[in-house]
Each structure stands twice: as structure tokens, then as C-alpha cells.
Amino acid sequence: SFSLTEVTVFIKRLRRKTDLSNMAKTMRTVLNSNSKVTVLRSDLHAVIDQGFLDAPGNLFQKKFRNREELQNDIELKCSLNDLMSLLAPSTDIRVLLNCVSSNLQAFVIQPSRSKEEFRKLASDFQLRWNFLLSAVSKAMTLNYADSFG
């Protein structure tokens, strides 16, 4: 019989797969529409290029307290810029996933020298990436971006 822990882990994995499946369906709908992709690219460039993300404590700030902060900023900017450069009408979603995979390999997996360090780097990267996506979403909302939602 399954233990409660095994059932909980299974449910979490199932939820993640369901979330990924739903996200992939949404992305396919967007990527198959030339107008939606064009508007999304334009809005993303606007919130970044026009400095809407340059708030104190934000990852796109101009001043950094230390080298690690600067490195973290470079990693996220690279990841976001890589994804945006691939964002085009009819882009296969697998191309975008491969891009994410390459960035994880470069910024999380390769620098890890132990399982503990891998967990820390992965957790930090995920936290910073989630913060960045929240900041982008907030900026698009506050600036009434056409592609928001």
C-alpha cells in the first residue's frame, strides 16, 4: 500500500503535469496567431526597454550591492532575452522549452558541484524567475498592455 507521503508526491507531480499541459495549450494558441505574438513581443519590449521594471529591489535595477546580485541579474536577463528572441509566429513550443532547458543547464546544473548546491541554485533561480515573471505581469497590467491576459 502507498504511504501518505508517496500519495502526496504523486498528486504534486500530477498537478505539475496538468499545469504544464494547460500552459502548453495556451502557448500553442498564442504562437499560432501572428497578431497575438506581435503584440506580445511589442508589450514585453515596452515594459523592459522603457524601464517599467526598474523599481527599487527589482532584478532590473541599475545598481547592485555585490557581484552575486550582478550575476543573478545577468542570468535572468539572458534567460528572458533568449526566450524573447525565439518568440515568433508558429514557433514550436519545444524550441522555447529547449531554450529554458539550456539556460537551466548553464546557470543551475553545470555550476553545481554537489546535490546540496544544486538544490540551492535551482531554488534560487526558480524564486528569481518567478519574481521576474510577476514583475513583468504587474508592469503589463499597470501599463494597460494589449497582450495582458
N, C-alpha and C. Protein backbone atom coordinates (compact mmCIF):
# COMPACT_ATOMS: atom_id res chain seq x y z
N SER A 1 0.83 -1.19 0.00
CA SER A 1 0.00 0.00 0.00
C SER A 1 0.88 1.25 0.00
N PHE A 2 0.34 2.33 -0.55
CA PHE A 2 1.06 3.59 -0.62
C PHE A 2 1.04 4.29 0.73
N SER A 3 2.13 4.96 1.03
CA SER A 3 2.14 5.79 2.23
C SER A 3 1.56 7.16 1.87
N LEU A 4 1.21 7.92 2.87
CA LEU A 4 0.66 9.26 2.65
C LEU A 4 1.65 10.14 1.90
N THR A 5 2.93 9.99 2.21
CA THR A 5 3.98 10.79 1.54
C THR A 5 4.02 10.49 0.05
N GLU A 6 3.97 9.18 -0.30
CA GLU A 6 4.02 8.80 -1.72
C GLU A 6 2.81 9.34 -2.48
N VAL A 7 1.64 9.29 -1.85
CA VAL A 7 0.43 9.80 -2.48
C VAL A 7 0.54 11.32 -2.68
N THR A 8 1.06 12.03 -1.67
CA THR A 8 1.22 13.47 -1.76
C THR A 8 2.18 13.85 -2.89
N VAL A 9 3.30 13.13 -2.99
CA VAL A 9 4.28 13.39 -4.05
C VAL A 9 3.64 13.13 -5.42
N PHE A 10 2.89 12.04 -5.53
CA PHE A 10 2.22 11.70 -6.79
C PHE A 10 1.25 12.80 -7.20
N ILE A 11 0.46 13.29 -6.25
CA ILE A 11 -0.52 14.34 -6.54
C ILE A 11 0.18 15.62 -6.99
N LYS A 12 1.29 15.97 -6.34
CA LYS A 12 2.03 17.18 -6.73
C LYS A 12 2.57 17.04 -8.15
N ARG A 13 3.10 15.86 -8.49
CA ARG A 13 3.61 15.64 -9.84
C ARG A 13 2.49 15.72 -10.87
N LEU A 14 1.35 15.13 -10.54
CA LEU A 14 0.20 15.16 -11.44
C LEU A 14 -0.26 16.60 -11.67
N ARG A 15 -0.31 17.39 -10.61
CA ARG A 15 -0.71 18.81 -10.74
C ARG A 15 0.27 19.56 -11.63
N ARG A 16 1.58 19.31 -11.42
CA ARG A 16 2.58 19.99 -12.25
C ARG A 16 2.40 19.64 -13.72
N LYS A 17 2.16 18.34 -14.00
CA LYS A 17 1.97 17.92 -15.39
C LYS A 17 0.71 18.55 -15.98
N THR A 18 -0.35 18.63 -15.19
CA THR A 18 -1.59 19.26 -15.65
C THR A 18 -1.35 20.74 -15.93
N ASP A 19 -0.65 21.42 -15.02
CA ASP A 19 -0.33 22.84 -15.22
C ASP A 19 0.49 23.04 -16.48
N LEU A 20 1.50 22.18 -16.70
CA LEU A 20 2.34 22.28 -17.89
C LEU A 20 1.52 22.04 -19.16
N SER A 21 0.63 21.07 -19.09
CA SER A 21 -0.21 20.76 -20.24
C SER A 21 -1.10 21.95 -20.59
N ASN A 22 -1.73 22.54 -19.58
CA ASN A 22 -2.59 23.71 -19.81
C ASN A 22 -1.79 24.89 -20.35
N MET A 23 -0.57 25.08 -19.80
CA MET A 23 0.27 26.17 -20.26
C MET A 23 0.68 25.95 -21.72
N ALA A 24 0.99 24.70 -22.07
CA ALA A 24 1.38 24.38 -23.45
C ALA A 24 0.22 24.65 -24.41
N LYS A 25 -1.01 24.30 -24.02
CA LYS A 25 -2.18 24.56 -24.87
C LYS A 25 -2.36 26.06 -25.08
N THR A 26 -2.20 26.84 -24.01
CA THR A 26 -2.34 28.30 -24.11
C THR A 26 -1.26 28.87 -25.02
N MET A 27 -0.02 28.39 -24.82
CA MET A 27 1.09 28.90 -25.64
C MET A 27 0.91 28.54 -27.11
N ARG A 28 0.41 27.35 -27.39
CA ARG A 28 0.19 26.97 -28.79
C ARG A 28 -0.83 27.91 -29.45
N THR A 29 -1.87 28.25 -28.69
CA THR A 29 -2.89 29.17 -29.21
C THR A 29 -2.27 30.52 -29.55
N VAL A 30 -1.41 31.02 -28.64
CA VAL A 30 -0.74 32.31 -28.86
C VAL A 30 0.23 32.22 -30.03
N LEU A 31 1.06 31.17 -30.04
CA LEU A 31 2.09 31.05 -31.07
C LEU A 31 1.52 30.84 -32.47
N ASN A 32 0.30 30.33 -32.55
CA ASN A 32 -0.32 30.12 -33.86
C ASN A 32 -1.01 31.37 -34.40
N SER A 33 -0.94 32.46 -33.63
CA SER A 33 -1.58 33.70 -34.06
C SER A 33 -0.51 34.78 -34.27
N ASN A 34 -0.33 35.18 -35.51
CA ASN A 34 0.67 36.19 -35.86
C ASN A 34 0.43 37.49 -35.10
N SER A 35 -0.83 37.93 -35.02
CA SER A 35 -1.14 39.20 -34.36
C SER A 35 -0.87 39.12 -32.85
N LYS A 36 -1.22 37.99 -32.22
CA LYS A 36 -1.01 37.85 -30.78
C LYS A 36 0.49 37.87 -30.44
N VAL A 37 1.27 37.17 -31.24
CA VAL A 37 2.72 37.13 -30.99
C VAL A 37 3.33 38.51 -31.18
N THR A 38 2.92 39.21 -32.22
CA THR A 38 3.44 40.55 -32.50
C THR A 38 3.14 41.50 -31.34
N VAL A 39 1.90 41.47 -30.86
CA VAL A 39 1.51 42.35 -29.75
C VAL A 39 2.25 41.96 -28.48
N LEU A 40 2.37 40.66 -28.21
CA LEU A 40 3.08 40.20 -27.01
C LEU A 40 4.54 40.64 -27.03
N ARG A 41 5.22 40.45 -28.16
CA ARG A 41 6.62 40.89 -28.28
C ARG A 41 6.75 42.39 -28.04
N SER A 42 5.86 43.14 -28.65
CA SER A 42 5.88 44.59 -28.52
C SER A 42 5.69 45.01 -27.06
N ASP A 43 4.72 44.39 -26.39
CA ASP A 43 4.45 44.73 -24.99
C ASP A 43 5.62 44.35 -24.08
N LEU A 44 6.21 43.19 -24.31
CA LEU A 44 7.35 42.76 -23.50
C LEU A 44 8.53 43.73 -23.66
N HIS A 45 8.81 44.09 -24.91
CA HIS A 45 9.90 45.04 -25.15
C HIS A 45 9.60 46.39 -24.49
N ALA A 46 8.36 46.80 -24.53
CA ALA A 46 7.99 48.10 -23.96
C ALA A 46 8.22 48.13 -22.45
N VAL A 47 7.75 47.11 -21.74
CA VAL A 47 7.90 47.14 -20.27
C VAL A 47 9.35 47.03 -19.84
N ILE A 48 10.18 46.38 -20.67
CA ILE A 48 11.60 46.23 -20.32
C ILE A 48 12.40 47.45 -20.79
N ASP A 49 12.28 47.78 -22.09
CA ASP A 49 13.08 48.87 -22.66
C ASP A 49 12.74 50.23 -22.09
N GLN A 50 11.48 50.44 -21.72
CA GLN A 50 11.08 51.74 -21.21
C GLN A 50 11.25 51.87 -19.70
N GLY A 51 11.87 50.85 -19.09
CA GLY A 51 12.23 50.95 -17.68
C GLY A 51 11.11 50.74 -16.69
N PHE A 52 10.01 50.15 -17.12
CA PHE A 52 8.90 49.94 -16.18
C PHE A 52 9.26 48.93 -15.10
N LEU A 53 10.31 48.13 -15.32
CA LEU A 53 10.72 47.13 -14.32
C LEU A 53 11.81 47.65 -13.41
N ASP A 54 12.29 48.87 -13.64
CA ASP A 54 13.41 49.41 -12.85
C ASP A 54 12.92 50.04 -11.54
N ALA A 55 12.32 49.25 -10.71
CA ALA A 55 11.88 49.71 -9.39
C ALA A 55 12.88 49.27 -8.34
N PRO A 56 12.98 49.97 -7.21
CA PRO A 56 13.92 49.57 -6.16
C PRO A 56 13.65 48.13 -5.73
N GLY A 57 14.73 47.37 -5.61
CA GLY A 57 14.59 45.98 -5.20
C GLY A 57 14.25 45.05 -6.35
N ASN A 58 14.08 45.63 -7.54
CA ASN A 58 13.74 44.82 -8.69
C ASN A 58 14.99 44.25 -9.32
N LEU A 59 14.85 43.13 -10.02
CA LEU A 59 16.01 42.49 -10.64
C LEU A 59 16.57 43.28 -11.81
N PHE A 60 15.80 44.25 -12.32
CA PHE A 60 16.29 45.05 -13.43
C PHE A 60 16.79 46.42 -12.97
N GLN A 61 17.15 46.52 -11.70
CA GLN A 61 17.67 47.77 -11.18
C GLN A 61 19.06 48.06 -11.76
N LYS A 62 19.48 49.31 -11.68
CA LYS A 62 20.75 49.70 -12.30
C LYS A 62 21.95 49.49 -11.36
N LYS A 63 21.73 49.59 -10.06
CA LYS A 63 22.84 49.45 -9.11
C LYS A 63 22.73 48.13 -8.37
N PHE A 64 23.89 47.52 -8.10
CA PHE A 64 23.91 46.23 -7.41
C PHE A 64 24.79 46.32 -6.18
N ARG A 65 24.36 45.59 -5.14
CA ARG A 65 25.11 45.62 -3.89
C ARG A 65 26.38 44.76 -3.96
N ASN A 66 26.36 43.68 -4.74
CA ASN A 66 27.52 42.81 -4.80
C ASN A 66 27.58 42.05 -6.13
N ARG A 67 28.67 41.30 -6.30
CA ARG A 67 28.89 40.57 -7.55
C ARG A 67 27.82 39.51 -7.80
N GLU A 68 27.39 38.85 -6.72
CA GLU A 68 26.38 37.79 -6.86
C GLU A 68 25.07 38.36 -7.40
N GLU A 69 24.71 39.56 -6.93
CA GLU A 69 23.50 40.22 -7.39
C GLU A 69 23.60 40.53 -8.89
N LEU A 70 24.77 41.01 -9.31
CA LEU A 70 25.00 41.31 -10.71
C LEU A 70 24.91 40.04 -11.55
N GLN A 71 25.52 38.94 -11.08
CA GLN A 71 25.47 37.66 -11.79
C GLN A 71 24.04 37.16 -11.91
N ASN A 72 23.27 37.28 -10.83
CA ASN A 72 21.87 36.86 -10.84
C ASN A 72 21.08 37.65 -11.89
N ASP A 73 21.35 38.96 -11.95
CA ASP A 73 20.67 39.83 -12.91
C ASP A 73 21.01 39.40 -14.34
N ILE A 74 22.28 39.12 -14.59
CA ILE A 74 22.72 38.71 -15.93
C ILE A 74 22.04 37.41 -16.33
N GLU A 75 21.96 36.45 -15.41
CA GLU A 75 21.32 35.17 -15.70
C GLU A 75 19.87 35.36 -16.14
N LEU A 76 19.12 36.15 -15.38
CA LEU A 76 17.71 36.34 -15.70
C LEU A 76 17.51 37.11 -16.98
N LYS A 77 18.33 38.15 -17.20
CA LYS A 77 18.21 38.92 -18.44
C LYS A 77 18.52 38.03 -19.64
N CYS A 78 19.55 37.19 -19.50
CA CYS A 78 19.89 36.26 -20.59
C CYS A 78 18.73 35.33 -20.87
N SER A 79 18.16 34.76 -19.81
CA SER A 79 17.05 33.81 -19.97
C SER A 79 15.86 34.46 -20.65
N LEU A 80 15.50 35.66 -20.19
CA LEU A 80 14.35 36.36 -20.76
C LEU A 80 14.62 36.79 -22.20
N ASN A 81 15.81 37.33 -22.45
CA ASN A 81 16.16 37.76 -23.80
C ASN A 81 16.21 36.59 -24.78
N ASP A 82 16.72 35.44 -24.30
CA ASP A 82 16.76 34.25 -25.15
C ASP A 82 15.35 33.83 -25.56
N LEU A 83 14.45 33.82 -24.59
CA LEU A 83 13.06 33.44 -24.89
C LEU A 83 12.40 34.43 -25.83
N MET A 84 12.63 35.73 -25.58
CA MET A 84 12.01 36.76 -26.41
C MET A 84 12.54 36.71 -27.85
N SER A 85 13.82 36.37 -28.02
CA SER A 85 14.38 36.31 -29.36
C SER A 85 13.78 35.16 -30.17
N LEU A 86 13.30 34.12 -29.48
CA LEU A 86 12.71 32.97 -30.16
C LEU A 86 11.21 33.12 -30.38
N LEU A 87 10.63 34.11 -29.72
CA LEU A 87 9.18 34.30 -29.77
C LEU A 87 8.78 34.86 -31.13
N ALA A 88 8.19 34.01 -31.93
CA ALA A 88 7.77 34.40 -33.28
C ALA A 88 6.54 33.57 -33.65
N PRO A 89 5.76 34.06 -34.63
CA PRO A 89 4.60 33.27 -35.05
C PRO A 89 5.01 31.87 -35.49
N SER A 90 4.24 30.89 -35.08
CA SER A 90 4.45 29.48 -35.42
C SER A 90 5.71 28.88 -34.83
N THR A 91 6.30 29.51 -33.83
CA THR A 91 7.44 28.89 -33.13
C THR A 91 6.93 27.63 -32.44
N ASP A 92 7.67 26.54 -32.61
CA ASP A 92 7.30 25.30 -31.94
C ASP A 92 7.58 25.47 -30.45
N ILE A 93 6.63 25.09 -29.63
CA ILE A 93 6.80 25.26 -28.18
C ILE A 93 8.01 24.50 -27.66
N ARG A 94 8.40 23.42 -28.37
CA ARG A 94 9.59 22.65 -27.97
C ARG A 94 10.86 23.48 -28.08
N VAL A 95 10.89 24.41 -29.01
CA VAL A 95 12.05 25.31 -29.16
C VAL A 95 12.18 26.19 -27.92
N LEU A 96 11.04 26.70 -27.42
CA LEU A 96 11.06 27.53 -26.21
C LEU A 96 11.47 26.70 -24.99
N LEU A 97 10.96 25.47 -24.90
CA LEU A 97 11.32 24.59 -23.78
C LEU A 97 12.81 24.23 -23.83
N ASN A 98 13.35 24.01 -25.03
CA ASN A 98 14.78 23.73 -25.16
C ASN A 98 15.62 24.92 -24.72
N CYS A 99 15.12 26.12 -24.99
CA CYS A 99 15.81 27.33 -24.57
C CYS A 99 15.88 27.39 -23.04
N VAL A 100 14.74 27.13 -22.39
CA VAL A 100 14.70 27.11 -20.92
C VAL A 100 15.66 26.05 -20.40
N SER A 101 15.63 24.89 -21.03
CA SER A 101 16.50 23.79 -20.62
C SER A 101 17.98 24.18 -20.72
N SER A 102 18.35 24.86 -21.81
CA SER A 102 19.74 25.30 -22.00
C SER A 102 20.17 26.28 -20.91
N ASN A 103 19.27 27.20 -20.57
CA ASN A 103 19.59 28.16 -19.51
C ASN A 103 19.72 27.49 -18.15
N LEU A 104 18.87 26.53 -17.88
CA LEU A 104 18.99 25.78 -16.62
C LEU A 104 20.31 25.02 -16.58
N GLN A 105 20.69 24.46 -17.72
CA GLN A 105 21.96 23.73 -17.80
C GLN A 105 23.12 24.68 -17.50
N ALA A 106 23.09 25.87 -18.08
CA ALA A 106 24.18 26.83 -17.93
C ALA A 106 24.24 27.47 -16.55
N PHE A 107 23.08 27.80 -15.99
CA PHE A 107 23.06 28.59 -14.75
C PHE A 107 22.80 27.78 -13.48
N VAL A 108 22.31 26.55 -13.63
CA VAL A 108 21.99 25.76 -12.44
C VAL A 108 22.76 24.43 -12.41
N ILE A 109 22.64 23.65 -13.47
CA ILE A 109 23.20 22.30 -13.44
C ILE A 109 24.72 22.30 -13.52
N GLN A 110 25.30 22.98 -14.51
CA GLN A 110 26.76 22.98 -14.66
C GLN A 110 27.51 23.56 -13.46
N PRO A 111 27.04 24.68 -12.88
CA PRO A 111 27.79 25.24 -11.74
C PRO A 111 27.67 24.41 -10.45
N SER A 112 26.74 23.47 -10.40
CA SER A 112 26.52 22.69 -9.17
C SER A 112 27.62 21.65 -8.99
N ARG A 113 28.23 21.68 -7.81
CA ARG A 113 29.27 20.70 -7.50
C ARG A 113 28.80 19.63 -6.52
N SER A 114 27.60 19.78 -6.02
CA SER A 114 27.04 18.79 -5.10
C SER A 114 25.52 18.84 -5.17
N LYS A 115 24.88 17.82 -4.61
CA LYS A 115 23.42 17.79 -4.61
C LYS A 115 22.84 18.96 -3.83
N GLU A 116 23.49 19.31 -2.73
CA GLU A 116 23.03 20.43 -1.90
C GLU A 116 23.14 21.74 -2.66
N GLU A 117 24.28 21.92 -3.35
CA GLU A 117 24.46 23.16 -4.12
C GLU A 117 23.46 23.22 -5.27
N PHE A 118 23.19 22.07 -5.89
CA PHE A 118 22.20 22.04 -6.97
C PHE A 118 20.83 22.49 -6.45
N ARG A 119 20.43 21.95 -5.30
CA ARG A 119 19.14 22.33 -4.72
C ARG A 119 19.07 23.82 -4.44
N LYS A 120 20.15 24.37 -3.92
CA LYS A 120 20.18 25.80 -3.60
C LYS A 120 20.10 26.65 -4.86
N LEU A 121 20.94 26.31 -5.86
CA LEU A 121 20.95 27.06 -7.11
C LEU A 121 19.60 26.97 -7.83
N ALA A 122 19.03 25.76 -7.85
CA ALA A 122 17.73 25.57 -8.51
C ALA A 122 16.64 26.36 -7.81
N SER A 123 16.64 26.30 -6.50
CA SER A 123 15.63 27.03 -5.72
C SER A 123 15.77 28.54 -5.91
N ASP A 124 17.00 29.03 -5.86
CA ASP A 124 17.25 30.47 -6.05
C ASP A 124 16.83 30.93 -7.44
N PHE A 125 17.20 30.14 -8.45
CA PHE A 125 16.86 30.51 -9.83
C PHE A 125 15.35 30.53 -10.01
N GLN A 126 14.66 29.52 -9.50
CA GLN A 126 13.20 29.48 -9.63
C GLN A 126 12.54 30.66 -8.93
N LEU A 127 13.04 30.99 -7.74
CA LEU A 127 12.48 32.11 -7.00
C LEU A 127 12.66 33.42 -7.77
N ARG A 128 13.88 33.64 -8.29
CA ARG A 128 14.16 34.87 -9.03
C ARG A 128 13.36 34.93 -10.34
N TRP A 129 13.23 33.78 -11.01
CA TRP A 129 12.47 33.72 -12.27
C TRP A 129 11.00 34.02 -12.01
N ASN A 130 10.45 33.45 -10.94
CA ASN A 130 9.05 33.72 -10.58
C ASN A 130 8.85 35.20 -10.25
N PHE A 131 9.83 35.78 -9.54
CA PHE A 131 9.76 37.20 -9.19
C PHE A 131 9.78 38.05 -10.46
N LEU A 132 10.63 37.69 -11.41
CA LEU A 132 10.73 38.42 -12.67
C LEU A 132 9.41 38.34 -13.44
N LEU A 133 8.85 37.14 -13.56
CA LEU A 133 7.60 36.99 -14.30
C LEU A 133 6.46 37.77 -13.63
N SER A 134 6.46 37.78 -12.30
CA SER A 134 5.45 38.57 -11.57
C SER A 134 5.62 40.06 -11.85
N ALA A 135 6.89 40.51 -11.89
CA ALA A 135 7.17 41.92 -12.16
C ALA A 135 6.75 42.30 -13.58
N VAL A 136 7.01 41.41 -14.54
CA VAL A 136 6.61 41.66 -15.93
C VAL A 136 5.08 41.73 -16.02
N SER A 137 4.42 40.78 -15.39
CA SER A 137 2.95 40.74 -15.40
C SER A 137 2.37 42.00 -14.76
N LYS A 138 2.94 42.42 -13.64
CA LYS A 138 2.47 43.62 -12.95
C LYS A 138 2.68 44.86 -13.83
N ALA A 139 3.86 44.96 -14.45
CA ALA A 139 4.15 46.11 -15.32
C ALA A 139 3.20 46.16 -16.50
N MET A 140 2.90 44.99 -17.07
CA MET A 140 1.98 44.96 -18.22
C MET A 140 0.57 45.36 -17.78
N THR A 141 0.19 44.94 -16.59
CA THR A 141 -1.14 45.30 -16.06
C THR A 141 -1.23 46.80 -15.82
N LEU A 142 -0.23 47.35 -15.13
CA LEU A 142 -0.25 48.76 -14.78
C LEU A 142 -0.16 49.67 -16.00
N ASN A 143 0.43 49.14 -17.09
CA ASN A 143 0.57 49.95 -18.30
C ASN A 143 -0.47 49.58 -19.37
N TYR A 144 -1.49 48.86 -18.94
CA TYR A 144 -2.60 48.51 -19.82
C TYR A 144 -2.13 47.89 -21.14
N ALA A 145 -1.17 46.97 -21.03
CA ALA A 145 -0.65 46.31 -22.23
C ALA A 145 -1.77 45.51 -22.91
N ASP A 146 -1.81 45.61 -24.24
CA ASP A 146 -2.86 44.93 -25.01
C ASP A 146 -2.82 43.42 -24.85
N SER A 147 -1.61 42.87 -24.66
CA SER A 147 -1.47 41.42 -24.61
C SER A 147 -1.67 40.84 -23.22
N PHE A 148 -1.86 41.69 -22.22
CA PHE A 148 -2.00 41.15 -20.87
C PHE A 148 -3.22 40.24 -20.80
N GLY A 149 -3.02 39.05 -20.17
CA GLY A 149 -4.10 38.10 -20.02
C GLY A 149 -4.12 37.11 -21.15
